[in-house]
Amino acid sequence: MALLELYSSEGCASCPPAEKWLAQLTNNPKLFKEFVPMEFHVDYWNRLGWVDPLSNKSFTNRQHRYAFYWGAKTAHTPQFVFNGTPSTFKETRKQNWAGAKNAGLLKLSRKSQNLFELSYAHSIPCQDLVVETALLQDGLTNVVLAGANKGMKLKHNFVVLETFEVLVKTDNKLCTSGISFETLVKDVKGKKLSIAVWLRKKTELTVLQAAGARL
């Protein structure tokens, strides 16, 4: 499965069209079958009069890490990232959602309300992999009271609430790990949650494989 990231902010005047396009993917039959979308809200627009309540410094750091990895001088919004590589809005809308070739088999199964088990079969040694996961929420709305989008009622889907790096355990050629969101899920208001999981090599930011599901 492919991983699609959008870096955005409620303080960014050019972001609403990109977010609107991403939000409509909730009706795409390929959702969580061929691609996993995520919307990260950065905090560097907060200084311009509107503090985005969805923004997180760690998401800004994530985008800057990508920029450094690509050799880019700056980060911007809206910015799409497809399987760990930069993608323009035009390119993203034309994607066929193909995942990486020879990416191996990634399985995500739910063991209980908040506990998931991940397995990955591939020739890459498990100890050379990084597994990351995120909790996503749909149906979030805010009326912007200041800044570039003042007066607009913005709607968001696939918003990243928090990300985690998951401990990988080795079982022969399978990498397995239990992922618990018990505290987060319990405290999230409004629910409409999803889970996203993706893998990459420790030395790279390119995404090897991804998986996702509704909670």
N, C-alpha and C. Protein backbone atom coordinates (compact mmCIF):
# COMPACT_ATOMS: atom_id res chain seq x y z
N MET A 1 0.84 -1.18 0.00
CA MET A 1 0.00 0.00 0.00
C MET A 1 0.89 1.25 0.00
N ALA A 2 0.41 2.30 -0.61
CA ALA A 2 1.16 3.55 -0.67
C ALA A 2 0.79 4.46 0.50
N LEU A 3 1.72 5.34 0.89
CA LEU A 3 1.49 6.30 1.96
C LEU A 3 1.48 7.70 1.38
N LEU A 4 0.39 8.44 1.61
CA LEU A 4 0.26 9.81 1.11
C LEU A 4 0.17 10.76 2.30
N GLU A 5 1.11 11.70 2.38
CA GLU A 5 1.12 12.69 3.45
C GLU A 5 0.85 14.08 2.88
N LEU A 6 0.06 14.87 3.61
CA LEU A 6 -0.15 16.27 3.29
C LEU A 6 0.28 17.10 4.49
N TYR A 7 1.16 18.07 4.24
CA TYR A 7 1.57 19.02 5.29
C TYR A 7 0.81 20.31 5.07
N SER A 8 0.08 20.74 6.11
CA SER A 8 -0.87 21.82 5.95
C SER A 8 -0.95 22.66 7.22
N SER A 9 -1.76 23.72 7.16
CA SER A 9 -2.01 24.57 8.32
C SER A 9 -3.27 25.38 8.09
N GLU A 10 -4.03 25.61 9.17
CA GLU A 10 -5.20 26.47 9.07
C GLU A 10 -4.82 27.92 8.86
N GLY A 11 -3.55 28.24 9.05
CA GLY A 11 -3.07 29.60 8.82
C GLY A 11 -2.50 29.81 7.44
N CYS A 12 -2.59 28.81 6.58
CA CYS A 12 -2.04 28.85 5.22
C CYS A 12 -3.16 29.12 4.23
N ALA A 13 -3.07 30.24 3.49
CA ALA A 13 -4.14 30.65 2.58
C ALA A 13 -4.34 29.69 1.42
N SER A 14 -3.30 29.01 0.98
CA SER A 14 -3.39 28.13 -0.18
C SER A 14 -3.67 26.67 0.19
N CYS A 15 -3.86 26.38 1.49
CA CYS A 15 -4.03 25.00 1.92
C CYS A 15 -5.46 24.44 1.79
N PRO A 16 -6.52 25.24 1.95
CA PRO A 16 -7.87 24.66 1.90
C PRO A 16 -8.18 23.82 0.67
N PRO A 17 -7.79 24.21 -0.56
CA PRO A 17 -8.07 23.34 -1.72
C PRO A 17 -7.41 21.97 -1.62
N ALA A 18 -6.17 21.93 -1.12
CA ALA A 18 -5.46 20.66 -0.98
C ALA A 18 -6.15 19.79 0.07
N GLU A 19 -6.56 20.41 1.18
CA GLU A 19 -7.24 19.66 2.23
C GLU A 19 -8.60 19.15 1.76
N LYS A 20 -9.31 19.98 1.00
CA LYS A 20 -10.61 19.58 0.48
C LYS A 20 -10.48 18.37 -0.43
N TRP A 21 -9.42 18.37 -1.26
CA TRP A 21 -9.19 17.23 -2.15
C TRP A 21 -8.87 15.97 -1.34
N LEU A 22 -8.02 16.12 -0.31
CA LEU A 22 -7.65 14.97 0.51
C LEU A 22 -8.88 14.44 1.25
N ALA A 23 -9.72 15.33 1.74
CA ALA A 23 -10.90 14.92 2.52
C ALA A 23 -11.84 14.06 1.71
N GLN A 24 -11.97 14.35 0.40
CA GLN A 24 -12.91 13.58 -0.41
C GLN A 24 -12.44 12.16 -0.69
N LEU A 25 -11.20 11.83 -0.30
CA LEU A 25 -10.72 10.46 -0.47
C LEU A 25 -11.43 9.49 0.47
N THR A 26 -12.22 10.01 1.42
CA THR A 26 -12.99 9.12 2.30
C THR A 26 -13.96 8.26 1.50
N ASN A 27 -14.33 8.73 0.30
CA ASN A 27 -15.28 8.00 -0.54
C ASN A 27 -14.59 7.19 -1.64
N ASN A 28 -13.27 7.16 -1.62
CA ASN A 28 -12.53 6.43 -2.65
C ASN A 28 -12.50 4.94 -2.31
N PRO A 29 -12.92 4.06 -3.22
CA PRO A 29 -12.95 2.62 -2.93
C PRO A 29 -11.56 2.02 -2.68
N LYS A 30 -10.50 2.75 -3.05
CA LYS A 30 -9.15 2.25 -2.85
C LYS A 30 -8.59 2.60 -1.47
N LEU A 31 -9.34 3.40 -0.70
CA LEU A 31 -8.89 3.83 0.62
C LEU A 31 -8.60 2.63 1.52
N PHE A 32 -7.42 2.60 2.13
CA PHE A 32 -6.96 1.54 3.01
C PHE A 32 -6.89 0.17 2.33
N LYS A 33 -6.97 0.19 1.01
CA LYS A 33 -6.74 -1.02 0.21
C LYS A 33 -5.50 -0.85 -0.67
N GLU A 34 -5.34 0.38 -1.19
CA GLU A 34 -4.18 0.68 -2.03
C GLU A 34 -3.39 1.88 -1.53
N PHE A 35 -4.00 2.71 -0.69
CA PHE A 35 -3.28 3.88 -0.19
C PHE A 35 -3.78 4.27 1.20
N VAL A 36 -2.91 4.95 1.94
CA VAL A 36 -3.21 5.44 3.28
C VAL A 36 -2.91 6.94 3.30
N PRO A 37 -3.92 7.81 3.48
CA PRO A 37 -3.69 9.26 3.52
C PRO A 37 -3.52 9.78 4.94
N MET A 38 -2.69 10.82 5.10
CA MET A 38 -2.49 11.44 6.40
C MET A 38 -2.34 12.95 6.22
N GLU A 39 -2.87 13.71 7.16
CA GLU A 39 -2.78 15.18 7.10
C GLU A 39 -2.07 15.68 8.36
N PHE A 40 -0.84 16.19 8.18
CA PHE A 40 -0.05 16.73 9.28
C PHE A 40 -0.20 18.25 9.31
N HIS A 41 -0.54 18.80 10.47
CA HIS A 41 -0.63 20.25 10.61
C HIS A 41 0.63 20.78 11.29
N VAL A 42 1.35 21.64 10.58
CA VAL A 42 2.60 22.21 11.09
C VAL A 42 2.31 23.48 11.88
N ASP A 43 3.32 23.96 12.61
CA ASP A 43 3.07 25.10 13.50
C ASP A 43 3.74 26.40 13.07
N TYR A 44 4.45 26.42 11.95
CA TYR A 44 5.21 27.64 11.62
C TYR A 44 4.36 28.78 11.06
N TRP A 45 3.06 28.53 10.80
CA TRP A 45 2.17 29.61 10.41
C TRP A 45 1.46 30.23 11.62
N ASN A 46 1.64 29.66 12.79
CA ASN A 46 0.91 30.14 13.97
C ASN A 46 1.27 31.57 14.35
N ARG A 47 2.42 32.03 13.92
CA ARG A 47 2.88 33.37 14.28
C ARG A 47 2.13 34.48 13.53
N LEU A 48 1.30 34.11 12.54
CA LEU A 48 0.66 35.12 11.69
C LEU A 48 -0.77 35.46 12.11
N GLY A 49 -1.11 35.17 13.35
CA GLY A 49 -2.40 35.64 13.84
C GLY A 49 -3.41 34.56 14.19
N TRP A 50 -3.21 33.33 13.70
CA TRP A 50 -4.11 32.23 14.03
C TRP A 50 -3.30 31.02 14.45
N VAL A 51 -3.53 30.56 15.68
CA VAL A 51 -2.84 29.36 16.17
C VAL A 51 -3.67 28.15 15.79
N ASP A 52 -3.18 27.37 14.87
CA ASP A 52 -3.88 26.17 14.41
C ASP A 52 -3.97 25.17 15.56
N PRO A 53 -5.18 24.85 16.04
CA PRO A 53 -5.31 23.94 17.18
C PRO A 53 -4.90 22.51 16.85
N LEU A 54 -4.73 22.20 15.56
CA LEU A 54 -4.32 20.86 15.15
C LEU A 54 -2.82 20.75 14.94
N SER A 55 -2.13 21.87 15.06
CA SER A 55 -0.69 21.89 14.75
C SER A 55 0.14 21.27 15.86
N ASN A 56 1.30 20.80 15.48
CA ASN A 56 2.20 20.13 16.42
C ASN A 56 3.63 20.36 15.97
N LYS A 57 4.48 20.78 16.88
CA LYS A 57 5.88 21.04 16.56
C LYS A 57 6.57 19.80 16.00
N SER A 58 6.19 18.63 16.48
CA SER A 58 6.83 17.40 16.01
C SER A 58 6.51 17.15 14.53
N PHE A 59 5.34 17.62 14.07
CA PHE A 59 4.99 17.46 12.66
C PHE A 59 5.82 18.41 11.79
N THR A 60 6.08 19.61 12.32
CA THR A 60 6.99 20.54 11.63
C THR A 60 8.37 19.92 11.53
N ASN A 61 8.84 19.32 12.62
CA ASN A 61 10.16 18.68 12.60
C ASN A 61 10.20 17.54 11.60
N ARG A 62 9.10 16.81 11.47
CA ARG A 62 9.04 15.72 10.51
C ARG A 62 9.19 16.25 9.08
N GLN A 63 8.48 17.33 8.78
CA GLN A 63 8.58 17.91 7.44
C GLN A 63 9.98 18.45 7.18
N HIS A 64 10.59 19.09 8.18
CA HIS A 64 11.96 19.62 8.02
C HIS A 64 12.97 18.49 7.83
N ARG A 65 12.72 17.36 8.49
CA ARG A 65 13.60 16.20 8.31
C ARG A 65 13.54 15.71 6.87
N TYR A 66 12.33 15.69 6.31
CA TYR A 66 12.19 15.35 4.90
C TYR A 66 12.98 16.32 4.02
N ALA A 67 12.80 17.63 4.27
CA ALA A 67 13.48 18.65 3.47
C ALA A 67 14.99 18.46 3.50
N PHE A 68 15.53 18.18 4.68
CA PHE A 68 16.97 17.95 4.81
C PHE A 68 17.39 16.70 4.03
N TYR A 69 16.59 15.66 4.12
CA TYR A 69 16.88 14.40 3.43
C TYR A 69 16.88 14.58 1.91
N TRP A 70 15.96 15.41 1.41
CA TRP A 70 15.88 15.65 -0.03
C TRP A 70 16.87 16.68 -0.52
N GLY A 71 17.49 17.41 0.41
CA GLY A 71 18.40 18.49 0.01
C GLY A 71 17.66 19.77 -0.34
N ALA A 72 16.41 19.90 0.14
CA ALA A 72 15.62 21.10 -0.12
C ALA A 72 16.00 22.19 0.89
N LYS A 73 15.96 23.45 0.46
CA LYS A 73 16.36 24.55 1.31
C LYS A 73 15.26 24.96 2.29
N THR A 74 14.01 24.77 1.89
CA THR A 74 12.89 25.18 2.74
C THR A 74 11.77 24.15 2.71
N ALA A 75 10.86 24.27 3.66
CA ALA A 75 9.63 23.48 3.69
C ALA A 75 8.47 24.43 3.42
N HIS A 76 7.38 23.93 2.87
CA HIS A 76 6.26 24.80 2.54
C HIS A 76 4.94 24.06 2.71
N THR A 77 3.87 24.81 2.69
CA THR A 77 2.52 24.24 2.72
C THR A 77 1.69 24.87 1.61
N PRO A 78 0.76 24.13 1.02
CA PRO A 78 0.58 22.68 1.21
C PRO A 78 1.69 21.91 0.53
N GLN A 79 2.11 20.83 1.13
CA GLN A 79 3.11 19.95 0.52
C GLN A 79 2.66 18.51 0.63
N PHE A 80 2.67 17.81 -0.49
CA PHE A 80 2.35 16.39 -0.53
C PHE A 80 3.64 15.58 -0.55
N VAL A 81 3.61 14.45 0.13
CA VAL A 81 4.73 13.51 0.14
C VAL A 81 4.14 12.14 -0.17
N PHE A 82 4.66 11.50 -1.21
CA PHE A 82 4.15 10.21 -1.65
C PHE A 82 5.22 9.14 -1.45
N ASN A 83 4.97 8.22 -0.53
CA ASN A 83 5.94 7.17 -0.20
C ASN A 83 7.30 7.72 0.18
N GLY A 84 7.30 8.87 0.87
CA GLY A 84 8.54 9.45 1.34
C GLY A 84 9.27 10.33 0.35
N THR A 85 8.66 10.62 -0.79
CA THR A 85 9.28 11.50 -1.79
C THR A 85 8.34 12.67 -2.07
N PRO A 86 8.88 13.86 -2.39
CA PRO A 86 8.02 15.02 -2.62
C PRO A 86 7.17 14.86 -3.87
N SER A 87 5.96 15.41 -3.81
CA SER A 87 5.03 15.31 -4.92
C SER A 87 4.22 16.61 -5.00
N THR A 88 4.04 17.16 -6.18
CA THR A 88 3.21 18.35 -6.33
C THR A 88 1.74 17.98 -6.24
N PHE A 89 0.89 18.97 -6.04
CA PHE A 89 -0.56 18.74 -5.98
C PHE A 89 -1.03 18.11 -7.29
N LYS A 90 -0.53 18.62 -8.41
CA LYS A 90 -0.92 18.09 -9.72
C LYS A 90 -0.49 16.64 -9.87
N GLU A 91 0.76 16.34 -9.47
CA GLU A 91 1.26 14.97 -9.57
C GLU A 91 0.48 14.03 -8.65
N THR A 92 0.15 14.52 -7.46
CA THR A 92 -0.55 13.69 -6.48
C THR A 92 -1.93 13.29 -6.99
N ARG A 93 -2.63 14.22 -7.62
CA ARG A 93 -3.97 13.92 -8.12
C ARG A 93 -3.95 12.92 -9.27
N LYS A 94 -2.78 12.73 -9.89
CA LYS A 94 -2.68 11.78 -11.00
C LYS A 94 -2.07 10.44 -10.58
N GLN A 95 -1.73 10.30 -9.30
CA GLN A 95 -1.09 9.08 -8.83
C GLN A 95 -2.01 7.87 -9.03
N ASN A 96 -1.38 6.73 -9.36
CA ASN A 96 -2.16 5.48 -9.47
C ASN A 96 -2.15 4.71 -8.15
N TRP A 97 -1.58 5.33 -7.11
CA TRP A 97 -1.57 4.78 -5.75
C TRP A 97 -0.75 3.50 -5.64
N ALA A 98 0.12 3.27 -6.57
CA ALA A 98 0.95 2.06 -6.51
C ALA A 98 1.96 2.17 -5.38
N GLY A 99 2.10 1.10 -4.62
CA GLY A 99 3.12 1.05 -3.60
C GLY A 99 4.48 0.73 -4.20
N ALA A 100 5.49 0.66 -3.37
CA ALA A 100 6.83 0.35 -3.86
C ALA A 100 6.89 -1.08 -4.40
N LYS A 101 7.70 -1.28 -5.44
CA LYS A 101 7.85 -2.60 -6.02
C LYS A 101 8.64 -3.51 -5.08
N ASN A 102 8.27 -4.78 -5.07
CA ASN A 102 8.96 -5.77 -4.22
C ASN A 102 9.01 -5.30 -2.77
N ALA A 103 7.90 -4.75 -2.30
CA ALA A 103 7.88 -4.14 -0.97
C ALA A 103 7.60 -5.14 0.14
N GLY A 104 7.30 -6.37 -0.20
CA GLY A 104 7.00 -7.35 0.84
C GLY A 104 5.55 -7.28 1.27
N LEU A 105 5.16 -8.21 2.11
CA LEU A 105 3.77 -8.31 2.56
C LEU A 105 3.63 -7.78 3.97
N LEU A 106 2.80 -6.75 4.11
CA LEU A 106 2.55 -6.13 5.41
C LEU A 106 1.11 -6.42 5.82
N LYS A 107 0.92 -6.97 7.02
CA LYS A 107 -0.42 -7.30 7.51
C LYS A 107 -0.66 -6.61 8.84
N LEU A 108 -1.84 -6.02 8.95
CA LEU A 108 -2.26 -5.36 10.19
C LEU A 108 -3.55 -6.01 10.64
N SER A 109 -3.55 -6.58 11.82
CA SER A 109 -4.75 -7.24 12.33
C SER A 109 -5.10 -6.70 13.70
N ARG A 110 -6.41 -6.63 13.98
CA ARG A 110 -6.90 -6.10 15.24
C ARG A 110 -7.16 -7.24 16.21
N LYS A 111 -6.51 -7.19 17.36
CA LYS A 111 -6.64 -8.25 18.35
C LYS A 111 -7.69 -7.93 19.41
N SER A 112 -7.87 -6.66 19.70
CA SER A 112 -8.90 -6.21 20.63
C SER A 112 -9.22 -4.77 20.26
N GLN A 113 -10.03 -4.10 21.07
CA GLN A 113 -10.48 -2.76 20.71
C GLN A 113 -9.33 -1.82 20.40
N ASN A 114 -8.27 -1.89 21.19
CA ASN A 114 -7.17 -0.94 21.03
C ASN A 114 -5.82 -1.60 20.76
N LEU A 115 -5.80 -2.89 20.54
CA LEU A 115 -4.54 -3.59 20.34
C LEU A 115 -4.47 -4.18 18.94
N PHE A 116 -3.37 -3.91 18.26
CA PHE A 116 -3.17 -4.38 16.89
C PHE A 116 -1.87 -5.14 16.79
N GLU A 117 -1.83 -6.06 15.85
CA GLU A 117 -0.61 -6.81 15.61
C GLU A 117 -0.19 -6.62 14.16
N LEU A 118 1.08 -6.35 14.00
CA LEU A 118 1.64 -6.08 12.68
C LEU A 118 2.63 -7.17 12.32
N SER A 119 2.56 -7.68 11.09
CA SER A 119 3.55 -8.64 10.61
C SER A 119 4.03 -8.22 9.23
N TYR A 120 5.30 -8.45 8.99
CA TYR A 120 5.90 -8.03 7.72
C TYR A 120 6.87 -9.11 7.27
N ALA A 121 6.64 -9.62 6.05
CA ALA A 121 7.50 -10.65 5.49
C ALA A 121 8.31 -10.06 4.35
N HIS A 122 9.62 -10.08 4.49
CA HIS A 122 10.49 -9.51 3.46
C HIS A 122 11.91 -10.01 3.70
N SER A 123 12.73 -9.89 2.68
CA SER A 123 14.12 -10.32 2.81
C SER A 123 14.97 -9.33 3.61
N ILE A 124 14.45 -8.10 3.79
CA ILE A 124 15.18 -7.11 4.59
C ILE A 124 15.16 -7.53 6.05
N PRO A 125 16.32 -7.59 6.71
CA PRO A 125 16.36 -7.98 8.12
C PRO A 125 15.49 -7.05 8.98
N CYS A 126 14.74 -7.63 9.89
CA CYS A 126 13.83 -6.84 10.72
C CYS A 126 14.56 -5.76 11.50
N GLN A 127 15.78 -6.06 11.94
CA GLN A 127 16.52 -5.10 12.75
C GLN A 127 16.94 -3.86 11.95
N ASP A 128 16.82 -3.92 10.63
CA ASP A 128 17.16 -2.78 9.79
C ASP A 128 15.96 -1.91 9.46
N LEU A 129 14.79 -2.23 10.05
CA LEU A 129 13.56 -1.52 9.72
C LEU A 129 13.10 -0.61 10.85
N VAL A 130 12.44 0.47 10.47
CA VAL A 130 11.75 1.34 11.40
C VAL A 130 10.26 1.25 11.08
N VAL A 131 9.45 1.01 12.10
CA VAL A 131 8.00 0.96 11.94
C VAL A 131 7.40 2.16 12.65
N GLU A 132 6.61 2.91 11.92
CA GLU A 132 5.94 4.07 12.51
C GLU A 132 4.43 3.91 12.37
N THR A 133 3.71 4.49 13.30
CA THR A 133 2.25 4.40 13.25
C THR A 133 1.64 5.72 13.69
N ALA A 134 0.43 5.99 13.24
CA ALA A 134 -0.24 7.24 13.58
C ALA A 134 -1.72 6.99 13.84
N LEU A 135 -2.28 7.79 14.70
CA LEU A 135 -3.71 7.80 14.94
C LEU A 135 -4.30 8.97 14.17
N LEU A 136 -5.32 8.70 13.35
CA LEU A 136 -5.93 9.72 12.50
C LEU A 136 -7.38 9.96 12.91
N GLN A 137 -7.87 11.16 12.63
CA GLN A 137 -9.26 11.47 12.94
C GLN A 137 -9.91 12.22 11.79
N ASP A 138 -11.16 11.86 11.48
CA ASP A 138 -11.96 12.51 10.44
C ASP A 138 -12.99 13.44 11.07
N GLY A 139 -13.56 14.30 10.23
CA GLY A 139 -14.70 15.10 10.64
C GLY A 139 -14.40 16.24 11.58
N LEU A 140 -13.16 16.74 11.57
CA LEU A 140 -12.81 17.87 12.43
C LEU A 140 -13.12 19.17 11.71
N THR A 141 -13.69 20.14 12.42
CA THR A 141 -14.01 21.44 11.83
C THR A 141 -13.57 22.56 12.76
N ASN A 142 -13.17 23.67 12.17
CA ASN A 142 -12.82 24.87 12.93
C ASN A 142 -13.22 26.10 12.14
N VAL A 143 -13.74 27.10 12.83
CA VAL A 143 -13.96 28.41 12.23
C VAL A 143 -12.74 29.26 12.55
N VAL A 144 -12.05 29.70 11.52
CA VAL A 144 -10.82 30.47 11.70
C VAL A 144 -11.17 31.92 12.01
N LEU A 145 -10.67 32.45 13.11
CA LEU A 145 -11.06 33.78 13.58
C LEU A 145 -10.04 34.86 13.25
N ALA A 146 -8.89 34.47 12.70
CA ALA A 146 -7.85 35.45 12.38
C ALA A 146 -6.93 34.88 11.32
N GLY A 147 -6.05 35.72 10.79
CA GLY A 147 -5.07 35.25 9.83
C GLY A 147 -5.60 35.17 8.41
N ALA A 148 -4.87 34.45 7.58
CA ALA A 148 -5.14 34.41 6.13
C ALA A 148 -6.50 33.80 5.79
N ASN A 149 -6.98 32.88 6.61
CA ASN A 149 -8.26 32.21 6.33
C ASN A 149 -9.38 32.70 7.24
N LYS A 150 -9.27 33.92 7.72
CA LYS A 150 -10.25 34.48 8.66
C LYS A 150 -11.67 34.38 8.10
N GLY A 151 -12.58 33.87 8.93
CA GLY A 151 -13.98 33.75 8.56
C GLY A 151 -14.34 32.44 7.89
N MET A 152 -13.36 31.64 7.55
CA MET A 152 -13.63 30.36 6.88
C MET A 152 -13.90 29.26 7.90
N LYS A 153 -14.82 28.38 7.55
CA LYS A 153 -15.04 27.17 8.34
C LYS A 153 -14.33 26.03 7.62
N LEU A 154 -13.27 25.55 8.20
CA LEU A 154 -12.43 24.54 7.57
C LEU A 154 -12.79 23.15 8.10
N LYS A 155 -12.86 22.19 7.18
CA LYS A 155 -13.15 20.81 7.53
C LYS A 155 -11.94 19.95 7.20
N HIS A 156 -11.66 18.99 8.08
CA HIS A 156 -10.46 18.18 7.93
C HIS A 156 -10.77 16.69 8.09
N ASN A 157 -10.14 15.87 7.26
CA ASN A 157 -10.17 14.41 7.42
C ASN A 157 -8.74 13.89 7.45
N PHE A 158 -8.57 12.71 8.01
CA PHE A 158 -7.27 12.02 8.09
C PHE A 158 -6.23 12.85 8.86
N VAL A 159 -6.69 13.65 9.82
CA VAL A 159 -5.78 14.49 10.60
C VAL A 159 -4.97 13.63 11.56
N VAL A 160 -3.66 13.80 11.53
CA VAL A 160 -2.78 13.06 12.43
C VAL A 160 -2.86 13.68 13.81
N LEU A 161 -3.24 12.86 14.80
CA LEU A 161 -3.28 13.31 16.19
C LEU A 161 -1.94 13.11 16.87
N GLU A 162 -1.31 11.98 16.57
CA GLU A 162 0.00 11.68 17.17
C GLU A 162 0.65 10.53 16.40
N THR A 163 1.96 10.53 16.39
CA THR A 163 2.70 9.44 15.75
C THR A 163 3.58 8.74 16.78
N PHE A 164 3.88 7.48 16.51
CA PHE A 164 4.73 6.67 17.39
C PHE A 164 5.70 5.86 16.56
N GLU A 165 6.85 5.59 17.11
CA GLU A 165 7.75 4.59 16.53
C GLU A 165 7.52 3.30 17.30
N VAL A 166 7.38 2.20 16.59
CA VAL A 166 6.99 0.93 17.19
C VAL A 166 8.19 -0.01 17.30
N LEU A 167 8.28 -0.67 18.45
CA LEU A 167 9.35 -1.65 18.65
C LEU A 167 9.12 -2.86 17.75
N VAL A 168 10.13 -3.24 17.00
CA VAL A 168 10.03 -4.38 16.09
C VAL A 168 10.64 -5.61 16.74
N LYS A 169 9.86 -6.68 16.77
CA LYS A 169 10.35 -7.95 17.29
C LYS A 169 10.53 -8.94 16.15
N THR A 170 11.55 -9.74 16.23
CA THR A 170 11.87 -10.66 15.14
C THR A 170 11.34 -12.06 15.42
N ASP A 171 10.66 -12.62 14.42
CA ASP A 171 10.18 -13.99 14.47
C ASP A 171 10.50 -14.61 13.12
N ASN A 172 11.69 -15.20 13.00
CA ASN A 172 12.20 -15.70 11.72
C ASN A 172 12.21 -14.56 10.70
N LYS A 173 11.47 -14.67 9.60
CA LYS A 173 11.45 -13.63 8.58
C LYS A 173 10.29 -12.65 8.77
N LEU A 174 9.48 -12.88 9.81
CA LEU A 174 8.36 -11.99 10.08
C LEU A 174 8.73 -10.99 11.17
N CYS A 175 8.35 -9.75 10.96
CA CYS A 175 8.53 -8.73 11.98
C CYS A 175 7.17 -8.49 12.62
N THR A 176 7.06 -8.73 13.88
CA THR A 176 5.76 -8.58 14.54
C THR A 176 5.85 -7.58 15.68
N SER A 177 4.76 -6.90 15.91
CA SER A 177 4.74 -5.93 17.00
C SER A 177 3.30 -5.66 17.42
N GLY A 178 3.06 -5.59 18.71
CA GLY A 178 1.75 -5.20 19.20
C GLY A 178 1.70 -3.69 19.34
N ILE A 179 0.64 -3.06 18.87
CA ILE A 179 0.52 -1.61 18.89
C ILE A 179 -0.71 -1.25 19.70
N SER A 180 -0.56 -0.55 20.80
CA SER A 180 -1.70 -0.20 21.63
C SER A 180 -1.98 1.30 21.60
N PHE A 181 -3.25 1.65 21.35
CA PHE A 181 -3.68 3.04 21.38
C PHE A 181 -4.69 3.27 22.50
N GLU A 182 -4.65 2.45 23.50
CA GLU A 182 -5.71 2.44 24.51
C GLU A 182 -5.96 3.81 25.13
N THR A 183 -4.91 4.47 25.60
CA THR A 183 -5.09 5.76 26.26
C THR A 183 -5.58 6.83 25.29
N LEU A 184 -4.96 6.87 24.10
CA LEU A 184 -5.34 7.88 23.12
C LEU A 184 -6.79 7.71 22.67
N VAL A 185 -7.18 6.51 22.30
CA VAL A 185 -8.53 6.28 21.79
C VAL A 185 -9.56 6.63 22.86
N LYS A 186 -9.27 6.28 24.07
CA LYS A 186 -10.20 6.53 25.17
C LYS A 186 -10.44 8.03 25.36
N ASP A 187 -9.40 8.84 25.12
CA ASP A 187 -9.49 10.27 25.40
C ASP A 187 -9.92 11.11 24.20
N VAL A 188 -10.02 10.51 23.02
CA VAL A 188 -10.35 11.27 21.82
C VAL A 188 -11.86 11.52 21.75
N LYS A 189 -12.24 12.78 21.61
CA LYS A 189 -13.65 13.15 21.50
C LYS A 189 -14.11 13.04 20.05
N GLY A 190 -15.34 12.59 19.86
CA GLY A 190 -15.89 12.55 18.51
C GLY A 190 -15.49 11.34 17.70
N LYS A 191 -14.41 10.67 18.13
CA LYS A 191 -13.91 9.46 17.47
C LYS A 191 -13.74 9.64 15.96
N LYS A 192 -14.36 8.79 15.14
CA LYS A 192 -14.11 8.74 13.68
C LYS A 192 -12.61 8.57 13.45
N LEU A 193 -12.06 7.53 14.04
CA LEU A 193 -10.61 7.32 14.04
C LEU A 193 -10.18 6.27 13.03
N SER A 194 -8.91 6.38 12.62
CA SER A 194 -8.26 5.39 11.77
C SER A 194 -6.85 5.19 12.28
N ILE A 195 -6.24 4.10 11.87
CA ILE A 195 -4.85 3.82 12.20
C ILE A 195 -4.05 3.72 10.91
N ALA A 196 -2.84 4.25 10.93
CA ALA A 196 -1.92 4.15 9.80
C ALA A 196 -0.61 3.58 10.30
N VAL A 197 -0.02 2.68 9.53
CA VAL A 197 1.27 2.07 9.87
C VAL A 197 2.13 2.05 8.62
N TRP A 198 3.40 2.35 8.75
CA TRP A 198 4.29 2.31 7.60
C TRP A 198 5.70 1.91 8.02
N LEU A 199 6.45 1.39 7.06
CA LEU A 199 7.80 0.89 7.33
C LEU A 199 8.80 1.57 6.40
N ARG A 200 10.01 1.73 6.92
CA ARG A 200 11.12 2.23 6.12
C ARG A 200 12.42 1.66 6.68
N LYS A 201 13.48 1.74 5.89
CA LYS A 201 14.78 1.34 6.39
C LYS A 201 15.29 2.42 7.36
N LYS A 202 16.10 2.03 8.33
CA LYS A 202 16.60 2.97 9.32
C LYS A 202 17.42 4.09 8.69
N THR A 203 18.07 3.80 7.58
CA THR A 203 18.94 4.78 6.94
C THR A 203 18.24 5.62 5.87
N GLU A 204 16.94 5.39 5.67
CA GLU A 204 16.20 6.08 4.61
C GLU A 204 14.86 6.58 5.13
N LEU A 205 14.28 7.54 4.40
CA LEU A 205 12.93 8.02 4.71
C LEU A 205 11.92 7.55 3.68
N THR A 206 12.38 6.89 2.63
CA THR A 206 11.47 6.35 1.63
C THR A 206 10.64 5.24 2.25
N VAL A 207 9.34 5.29 2.02
CA VAL A 207 8.42 4.32 2.62
C VAL A 207 8.41 3.02 1.80
N LEU A 208 8.62 1.90 2.48
CA LEU A 208 8.62 0.60 1.82
C LEU A 208 7.21 0.06 1.65
N GLN A 209 6.42 0.15 2.71
CA GLN A 209 5.09 -0.43 2.69
C GLN A 209 4.26 0.25 3.77
N ALA A 210 2.93 0.31 3.52
CA ALA A 210 2.03 0.94 4.49
C ALA A 210 0.76 0.12 4.63
N ALA A 211 0.04 0.37 5.71
CA ALA A 211 -1.25 -0.27 5.93
C ALA A 211 -2.11 0.67 6.77
N GLY A 212 -3.42 0.52 6.68
CA GLY A 212 -4.30 1.37 7.45
C GLY A 212 -5.67 0.74 7.59
N ALA A 213 -6.46 1.24 8.54
CA ALA A 213 -7.80 0.70 8.76
C ALA A 213 -8.61 1.67 9.61
N ARG A 214 -9.93 1.58 9.47
CA ARG A 214 -10.82 2.33 10.35
C ARG A 214 -10.85 1.66 11.72
N LEU A 215 -11.05 2.45 12.75
CA LEU A 215 -11.17 1.90 14.10
C LEU A 215 -12.64 1.85 14.51
